[in-house]
C-alpha atoms as a PDB file:
ATOM      1  CA  MET A   1      -7.612  -0.346   7.517  1.00  0.00           C
ATOM      2  CA  ALA A   2      -9.942   1.062   4.971  1.00  0.00           C
ATOM      3  CA  VAL A   3      -9.838   4.831   4.094  1.00  0.00           C
ATOM      4  CA  ASP A   4     -12.927   6.934   4.046  1.00  0.00           C
ATOM      5  CA  THR A   5     -14.206   7.180   0.501  1.00  0.00           C
ATOM      6  CA  GLY A   6     -17.389   8.680   1.044  1.00  0.00           C
ATOM      7  CA  ALA A   7     -18.496  12.365   0.577  1.00  0.00           C
ATOM      8  CA  GLU A   8     -15.652  13.549   2.770  1.00  0.00           C
ATOM      9  CA  GLY A   9     -12.984  11.031   1.364  1.00  0.00           C
ATOM     10  CA  TYR A  10     -11.366  10.339  -1.785  1.00  0.00           C
ATOM     11  CA  ASP A  11     -14.449  10.193  -3.851  1.00  0.00           C
ATOM     12  CA  ALA A  12     -14.947  13.872  -3.108  1.00  0.00           C
ATOM     13  CA  PHE A  13     -11.417  14.845  -4.158  1.00  0.00           C
ATOM     14  CA  THR A  14     -11.844  17.180  -6.895  1.00  0.00           C
ATOM     15  CA  LEU A  15      -8.440  16.489  -8.698  1.00  0.00           C
ATOM     16  CA  ARG A  16      -9.035  12.755  -8.625  1.00  0.00           C
ATOM     17  CA  SER A  17     -12.395  13.286 -10.227  1.00  0.00           C
ATOM     18  CA  PHE A  18     -10.843  15.499 -12.797  1.00  0.00           C
ATOM     19  CA  LEU A  19      -8.176  13.225 -13.780  1.00  0.00           C
ATOM     20  CA  GLU A  20     -10.373  10.309 -13.321  1.00  0.00           C
ATOM     21  CA  PHE A  21      -7.945   7.952 -11.600  1.00  0.00           C
ATOM     22  CA  ASP A  22      -8.841   5.379  -9.023  1.00  0.00           C
ATOM     23  CA  ILE A  23      -7.155   4.879  -5.751  1.00  0.00           C
ATOM     24  CA  ARG A  24      -8.040   1.541  -3.717  1.00  0.00           C
ATOM     25  CA  ASP A  25      -6.764   0.041  -0.493  1.00  0.00           C
ATOM     26  CA  GLY A  26      -4.198  -2.432  -1.100  1.00  0.00           C
ATOM     27  CA  PRO A  27      -2.740  -5.160   1.116  1.00  0.00           C
ATOM     28  CA  ASP A  28      -0.938  -4.424   4.320  1.00  0.00           C
ATOM     29  CA  GLY A  29      -1.379  -0.605   4.535  1.00  0.00           C
ATOM     30  CA  ALA A  30      -0.664  -0.181   0.746  1.00  0.00           C
ATOM     31  CA  ALA A  31      -2.667   1.659  -1.821  1.00  0.00           C
ATOM     32  CA  VAL A  32      -3.119   0.768  -5.557  1.00  0.00           C
ATOM     33  CA  GLY A  33      -3.702   3.448  -7.964  1.00  0.00           C
ATOM     34  CA  SER A  34      -4.723   3.181 -11.493  1.00  0.00           C
ATOM     35  CA  LEU A  35      -5.556   5.552 -14.458  1.00  0.00           C
ATOM     36  CA  ASP A  36      -6.957   5.029 -18.038  1.00  0.00           C
ATOM     37  CA  VAL A  37      -4.928   7.456 -20.026  1.00  0.00           C
ATOM     38  CA  ASP A  38      -6.637   9.404 -22.658  1.00  0.00           C
ATOM     39  CA  ASP A  39      -5.715  12.735 -24.604  1.00  0.00           C
ATOM     40  CA  ARG A  40      -6.352  15.138 -21.708  1.00  0.00           C
ATOM     41  CA  HIS A  41      -3.484  13.430 -19.727  1.00  0.00           C
ATOM     42  CA  LEU A  42      -0.920  13.992 -22.495  1.00  0.00           C
ATOM     43  CA  ASN A  43       1.826  16.658 -22.836  1.00  0.00           C
ATOM     44  CA  PRO A  44       2.448  18.401 -26.262  1.00  0.00           C
ATOM     45  CA  ASN A  45       5.005  15.612 -27.018  1.00  0.00           C
ATOM     46  CA  GLY A  46       2.153  13.003 -26.784  1.00  0.00           C
ATOM     47  CA  ILE A  47       3.241  11.301 -23.678  1.00  0.00           C
ATOM     48  CA  VAL A  48       1.575  11.312 -20.146  1.00  0.00           C
ATOM     49  CA  HIS A  49       2.354  14.511 -18.438  1.00  0.00           C
ATOM     50  CA  GLY A  50       4.653  14.118 -15.448  1.00  0.00           C
ATOM     51  CA  GLY A  51       2.180  16.154 -13.215  1.00  0.00           C
ATOM     52  CA  VAL A  52      -0.529  13.464 -13.867  1.00  0.00           C
ATOM     53  CA  VAL A  53       1.804  10.809 -12.934  1.00  0.00           C
ATOM     54  CA  PHE A  54       3.114  12.670  -9.841  1.00  0.00           C
ATOM     55  CA  THR A  55      -0.429  13.287  -8.736  1.00  0.00           C
ATOM     56  CA  LEU A  56      -1.326   9.738  -9.043  1.00  0.00           C
ATOM     57  CA  ALA A  57       1.610   8.507  -7.065  1.00  0.00           C
ATOM     58  CA  ASP A  58       1.185  11.486  -4.483  1.00  0.00           C
ATOM     59  CA  THR A  59      -2.506  10.520  -3.872  1.00  0.00           C
ATOM     60  CA  ALA A  60      -1.803   6.813  -3.606  1.00  0.00           C
ATOM     61  CA  MET A  61       1.010   7.509  -1.040  1.00  0.00           C
ATOM     62  CA  GLY A  62      -1.314   9.728   0.934  1.00  0.00           C
ATOM     63  CA  ARG A  63      -3.907   7.025   0.972  1.00  0.00           C
ATOM     64  CA  ALA A  64      -1.489   4.244   2.160  1.00  0.00           C
ATOM     65  CA  ARG A  65      -0.301   6.659   4.846  1.00  0.00           C
ATOM     66  CA  MET A  66      -3.713   7.382   5.983  1.00  0.00           C
ATOM     67  CA  ALA A  67      -4.514   3.724   6.149  1.00  0.00           C
ATOM     68  CA  ALA A  68      -1.313   2.974   8.090  1.00  0.00           C
ATOM     69  CA  LEU A  69      -1.826   5.895  10.610  1.00  0.00           C
ATOM     70  CA  GLY A  70      -5.405   5.434  11.292  1.00  0.00           C
ATOM     71  CA  PRO A  71      -8.365   7.864  11.497  1.00  0.00           C
ATOM     72  CA  ASP A  72      -7.240   9.559  14.715  1.00  0.00           C
ATOM     73  CA  LEU A  73      -3.987  10.626  13.777  1.00  0.00           C
ATOM     74  CA  LYS A  74      -3.236  13.674  11.347  1.00  0.00           C
ATOM     75  CA  VAL A  75      -0.107  14.488   9.874  1.00  0.00           C
ATOM     76  CA  HIS A  76       0.954  17.661   8.021  1.00  0.00           C
ATOM     77  CA  ASP A  77       4.182  18.134   5.916  1.00  0.00           C
ATOM     78  CA  LEU A  78       5.773  21.157   4.464  1.00  0.00           C
END
């Protein structure tokens, strides 16, 4: 099932736009994330900051979960 990517969906997610990563629906309820790394994604040691990697992974997992649950079911975690 495709996840909303319109004005109210992932295209409007400010952090995704700022970091310029891409999340797409994958096969069987999966999601695929990608990022073209540039200097703004690097920590002072010159490697990709862990927060950037975690944000990409967390957003992809959220999208896959939304695809698996469907549009009528909302889940909130603490």
